[in-house]
Amino acid sequence: MPFPSQRPQAAAETNRGSLLAQLAERSQLDFELTFFGDLLRRMPDYSDALRAQAGNLTTKGLLKEGLLIDQVLVKLRPSDPDAHYNLACRYALMLQPDLAIETLRQAVALGYSDFRYMIQDRDLESLRKDSRFCALLREYAER
């Protein structure tokens, strides 16, 4: 059995390890936000960087900023089903169901077909009980 004076140190080391893991994760996200932000200032139409930055901003909780980037991406790539799908997710996260459903329908019309993922995607949680979302899934499941 360890001496009583050793127990707090072990707890402190465990907390420190957890804190370091949190800082490492946070630092990676902050690094990517800075990296892609700098890259996009030089190359504002770089769609892969836009997609990554929108996801990073959303992970950071900056939904409005991520939404703006997703809107730019859809304008740059109007026939890209993934760009529309991601924009629909952002609208859903921001509790804008009309825009989310409309944009999701556009993504499917353009060829987005991973309905298994769509059903599980946590970003679309706010749409789960919306009859329009259910109708969309039924409509395309029958094809």
C-alpha atoms as a PDB file:
ATOM      1  CA  MET A   1       0.000   0.000   0.000  1.00  0.00           C
ATOM      2  CA  PRO A   2       1.457   3.401  -0.922  1.00  0.00           C
ATOM      3  CA  PHE A   3       2.175   5.934   1.755  1.00  0.00           C
ATOM      4  CA  PRO A   4      -0.565   8.559   2.121  1.00  0.00           C
ATOM      5  CA  SER A   5       1.789  11.268   0.850  1.00  0.00           C
ATOM      6  CA  GLN A   6       2.167   9.407  -2.448  1.00  0.00           C
ATOM      7  CA  ARG A   7      -1.561   9.242  -3.249  1.00  0.00           C
ATOM      8  CA  PRO A   8      -2.050  12.937  -4.084  1.00  0.00           C
ATOM      9  CA  GLN A   9       1.007  12.874  -6.314  1.00  0.00           C
ATOM     10  CA  ALA A  10      -0.384   9.932  -8.277  1.00  0.00           C
ATOM     11  CA  ALA A  11      -3.703  11.768  -8.652  1.00  0.00           C
ATOM     12  CA  ALA A  12      -1.879  14.909  -9.738  1.00  0.00           C
ATOM     13  CA  GLU A  13       0.072  12.933 -12.359  1.00  0.00           C
ATOM     14  CA  THR A  14      -3.181  11.437 -13.675  1.00  0.00           C
ATOM     15  CA  ASN A  15      -4.763  14.901 -13.850  1.00  0.00           C
ATOM     16  CA  ARG A  16      -1.649  16.290 -15.508  1.00  0.00           C
ATOM     17  CA  GLY A  17      -1.753  13.508 -18.131  1.00  0.00           C
ATOM     18  CA  SER A  18      -5.393  14.260 -18.826  1.00  0.00           C
ATOM     19  CA  LEU A  19      -4.692  17.978 -19.035  1.00  0.00           C
ATOM     20  CA  LEU A  20      -1.766  17.398 -21.414  1.00  0.00           C
ATOM     21  CA  ALA A  21      -3.982  15.250 -23.635  1.00  0.00           C
ATOM     22  CA  GLN A  22      -6.632  17.982 -23.684  1.00  0.00           C
ATOM     23  CA  LEU A  23      -4.021  20.641 -24.464  1.00  0.00           C
ATOM     24  CA  ALA A  24      -2.499  18.535 -27.225  1.00  0.00           C
ATOM     25  CA  GLU A  25      -5.897  18.055 -28.823  1.00  0.00           C
ATOM     26  CA  ARG A  26      -6.817  21.713 -28.442  1.00  0.00           C
ATOM     27  CA  SER A  27      -3.428  22.783 -29.761  1.00  0.00           C
ATOM     28  CA  GLN A  28      -3.837  20.640 -32.876  1.00  0.00           C
ATOM     29  CA  LEU A  29      -7.212  22.236 -33.615  1.00  0.00           C
ATOM     30  CA  ASP A  30      -5.839  25.726 -33.007  1.00  0.00           C
ATOM     31  CA  PHE A  31      -2.836  24.924 -35.208  1.00  0.00           C
ATOM     32  CA  GLU A  32      -5.121  23.773 -38.031  1.00  0.00           C
ATOM     33  CA  LEU A  33      -7.349  26.824 -37.695  1.00  0.00           C
ATOM     34  CA  THR A  34      -4.316  29.086 -37.995  1.00  0.00           C
ATOM     35  CA  PHE A  35      -2.722  27.031 -40.772  1.00  0.00           C
ATOM     36  CA  PHE A  36      -5.837  26.867 -42.955  1.00  0.00           C
ATOM     37  CA  GLY A  37      -6.722  30.469 -42.155  1.00  0.00           C
ATOM     38  CA  ASP A  38      -3.312  31.618 -43.413  1.00  0.00           C
ATOM     39  CA  LEU A  39      -3.554  29.367 -46.457  1.00  0.00           C
ATOM     40  CA  LEU A  40      -7.023  30.680 -47.334  1.00  0.00           C
ATOM     41  CA  ARG A  41      -5.853  34.286 -47.091  1.00  0.00           C
ATOM     42  CA  ARG A  42      -3.401  33.463 -49.865  1.00  0.00           C
ATOM     43  CA  MET A  43      -5.638  31.037 -51.793  1.00  0.00           C
ATOM     44  CA  PRO A  44      -9.272  31.905 -50.960  1.00  0.00           C
ATOM     45  CA  ASP A  45     -10.735  29.488 -53.529  1.00  0.00           C
ATOM     46  CA  TYR A  46      -8.834  26.401 -52.357  1.00  0.00           C
ATOM     47  CA  SER A  47     -11.794  24.082 -51.815  1.00  0.00           C
ATOM     48  CA  ASP A  48      -9.996  21.374 -49.818  1.00  0.00           C
ATOM     49  CA  ALA A  49      -8.732  23.987 -47.364  1.00  0.00           C
ATOM     50  CA  LEU A  50     -12.189  25.560 -47.179  1.00  0.00           C
ATOM     51  CA  ARG A  51     -13.742  22.185 -46.361  1.00  0.00           C
ATOM     52  CA  ALA A  52     -11.157  21.487 -43.643  1.00  0.00           C
ATOM     53  CA  GLN A  53     -11.495  24.967 -42.159  1.00  0.00           C
ATOM     54  CA  ALA A  54     -15.308  24.756 -42.040  1.00  0.00           C
ATOM     55  CA  GLY A  55     -15.050  21.472 -40.144  1.00  0.00           C
ATOM     56  CA  ASN A  56     -12.448  22.863 -37.749  1.00  0.00           C
ATOM     57  CA  LEU A  57     -14.523  25.965 -37.042  1.00  0.00           C
ATOM     58  CA  THR A  58     -17.544  23.805 -36.290  1.00  0.00           C
ATOM     59  CA  THR A  59     -15.493  21.568 -33.990  1.00  0.00           C
ATOM     60  CA  LYS A  60     -14.337  24.716 -32.204  1.00  0.00           C
ATOM     61  CA  GLY A  61     -17.991  25.763 -31.795  1.00  0.00           C
ATOM     62  CA  LEU A  62     -17.759  28.636 -34.273  1.00  0.00           C
ATOM     63  CA  LEU A  63     -20.847  27.611 -36.234  1.00  0.00           C
ATOM     64  CA  LYS A  64     -21.517  30.959 -37.912  1.00  0.00           C
ATOM     65  CA  GLU A  65     -17.970  31.154 -39.242  1.00  0.00           C
ATOM     66  CA  GLY A  66     -18.163  27.547 -40.462  1.00  0.00           C
ATOM     67  CA  LEU A  67     -21.488  28.310 -42.119  1.00  0.00           C
ATOM     68  CA  LEU A  68     -19.983  31.227 -44.046  1.00  0.00           C
ATOM     69  CA  ILE A  69     -17.214  29.009 -45.368  1.00  0.00           C
ATOM     70  CA  ASP A  70     -19.660  26.253 -46.346  1.00  0.00           C
ATOM     71  CA  GLN A  71     -21.719  28.823 -48.248  1.00  0.00           C
ATOM     72  CA  VAL A  72     -18.598  29.944 -50.135  1.00  0.00           C
ATOM     73  CA  LEU A  73     -17.742  26.325 -50.890  1.00  0.00           C
ATOM     74  CA  VAL A  74     -21.195  25.674 -52.375  1.00  0.00           C
ATOM     75  CA  LYS A  75     -20.820  28.759 -54.578  1.00  0.00           C
ATOM     76  CA  LEU A  76     -17.399  27.573 -55.757  1.00  0.00           C
ATOM     77  CA  ARG A  77     -18.576  23.989 -56.281  1.00  0.00           C
ATOM     78  CA  PRO A  78     -22.295  24.184 -57.086  1.00  0.00           C
ATOM     79  CA  SER A  79     -22.493  20.596 -58.338  1.00  0.00           C
ATOM     80  CA  ASP A  80     -20.583  19.024 -55.408  1.00  0.00           C
ATOM     81  CA  PRO A  81     -23.020  16.912 -53.357  1.00  0.00           C
ATOM     82  CA  ASP A  82     -20.659  16.785 -50.353  1.00  0.00           C
ATOM     83  CA  ALA A  83     -20.428  20.570 -50.211  1.00  0.00           C
ATOM     84  CA  HIS A  84     -24.225  20.788 -50.137  1.00  0.00           C
ATOM     85  CA  TYR A  85     -24.445  18.010 -47.541  1.00  0.00           C
ATOM     86  CA  ASN A  86     -21.993  19.807 -45.253  1.00  0.00           C
ATOM     87  CA  LEU A  87     -23.901  23.063 -45.656  1.00  0.00           C
ATOM     88  CA  ALA A  88     -27.130  21.236 -44.761  1.00  0.00           C
ATOM     89  CA  CYS A  89     -25.439  19.886 -41.632  1.00  0.00           C
ATOM     90  CA  ARG A  90     -24.354  23.372 -40.639  1.00  0.00           C
ATOM     91  CA  TYR A  91     -27.908  24.681 -41.066  1.00  0.00           C
ATOM     92  CA  ALA A  92     -29.194  21.796 -38.951  1.00  0.00           C
ATOM     93  CA  LEU A  93     -26.653  22.533 -36.219  1.00  0.00           C
ATOM     94  CA  MET A  94     -27.784  26.158 -36.248  1.00  0.00           C
ATOM     95  CA  LEU A  95     -31.426  25.046 -35.917  1.00  0.00           C
ATOM     96  CA  GLN A  96     -32.489  26.290 -39.342  1.00  0.00           C
ATOM     97  CA  PRO A  97     -34.554  23.282 -40.461  1.00  0.00           C
ATOM     98  CA  ASP A  98     -36.067  24.822 -43.597  1.00  0.00           C
ATOM     99  CA  LEU A  99     -32.657  25.647 -45.052  1.00  0.00           C
ATOM    100  CA  ALA A 100     -31.216  22.348 -43.813  1.00  0.00           C
ATOM    101  CA  ILE A 101     -33.902  20.242 -45.507  1.00  0.00           C
ATOM    102  CA  GLU A 102     -33.781  22.275 -48.721  1.00  0.00           C
ATOM    103  CA  THR A 103     -29.989  21.991 -48.912  1.00  0.00           C
ATOM    104  CA  LEU A 104     -30.014  18.318 -47.964  1.00  0.00           C
ATOM    105  CA  ARG A 105     -32.521  17.663 -50.736  1.00  0.00           C
ATOM    106  CA  GLN A 106     -30.175  19.486 -53.141  1.00  0.00           C
ATOM    107  CA  ALA A 107     -27.235  17.335 -51.980  1.00  0.00           C
ATOM    108  CA  VAL A 108     -29.225  14.165 -52.682  1.00  0.00           C
ATOM    109  CA  ALA A 109     -30.385  15.486 -56.059  1.00  0.00           C
ATOM    110  CA  LEU A 110     -26.719  16.086 -56.944  1.00  0.00           C
ATOM    111  CA  GLY A 111     -25.808  12.524 -56.032  1.00  0.00           C
ATOM    112  CA  TYR A 112     -25.225  12.306 -52.282  1.00  0.00           C
ATOM    113  CA  SER A 113     -26.283   8.768 -51.452  1.00  0.00           C
ATOM    114  CA  ASP A 114     -24.802   7.712 -48.109  1.00  0.00           C
ATOM    115  CA  PHE A 115     -28.176   7.440 -46.399  1.00  0.00           C
ATOM    116  CA  ARG A 116     -26.845   5.073 -43.746  1.00  0.00           C
ATOM    117  CA  TYR A 117     -24.463   7.824 -42.622  1.00  0.00           C
ATOM    118  CA  MET A 118     -27.146  10.492 -42.963  1.00  0.00           C
ATOM    119  CA  ILE A 119     -29.404   8.575 -40.578  1.00  0.00           C
ATOM    120  CA  GLN A 120     -26.616   8.405 -37.964  1.00  0.00           C
ATOM    121  CA  ASP A 121     -24.997  11.815 -38.498  1.00  0.00           C
ATOM    122  CA  ARG A 122     -25.169  13.715 -35.206  1.00  0.00           C
ATOM    123  CA  ASP A 123     -25.065  17.005 -37.086  1.00  0.00           C
ATOM    124  CA  LEU A 124     -28.558  16.237 -38.387  1.00  0.00           C
ATOM    125  CA  GLU A 125     -29.986  15.396 -34.962  1.00  0.00           C
ATOM    126  CA  SER A 126     -32.275  18.447 -34.991  1.00  0.00           C
ATOM    127  CA  LEU A 127     -33.975  17.085 -38.134  1.00  0.00           C
ATOM    128  CA  ARG A 128     -34.667  13.531 -36.940  1.00  0.00           C
ATOM    129  CA  LYS A 129     -38.306  14.166 -36.028  1.00  0.00           C
ATOM    130  CA  ASP A 130     -38.993  16.522 -38.928  1.00  0.00           C
ATOM    131  CA  SER A 131     -41.492  14.866 -41.265  1.00  0.00           C
ATOM    132  CA  ARG A 132     -39.675  16.357 -44.273  1.00  0.00           C
ATOM    133  CA  PHE A 133     -36.445  14.616 -43.279  1.00  0.00           C
ATOM    134  CA  CYS A 134     -38.279  11.311 -42.877  1.00  0.00           C
ATOM    135  CA  ALA A 135     -40.012  11.827 -46.236  1.00  0.00           C
ATOM    136  CA  LEU A 136     -36.664  12.530 -47.913  1.00  0.00           C
ATOM    137  CA  LEU A 137     -35.223   9.307 -46.552  1.00  0.00           C
ATOM    138  CA  ARG A 138     -38.293   7.293 -47.595  1.00  0.00           C
ATOM    139  CA  GLU A 139     -38.342   8.851 -51.051  1.00  0.00           C
ATOM    140  CA  TYR A 140     -34.759   7.943 -51.827  1.00  0.00           C
ATOM    141  CA  ALA A 141     -34.846   4.567 -50.080  1.00  0.00           C
ATOM    142  CA  GLU A 142     -37.512   3.520 -52.579  1.00  0.00           C
ATOM    143  CA  ARG A 143     -35.271   4.235 -55.585  1.00  0.00           C
END
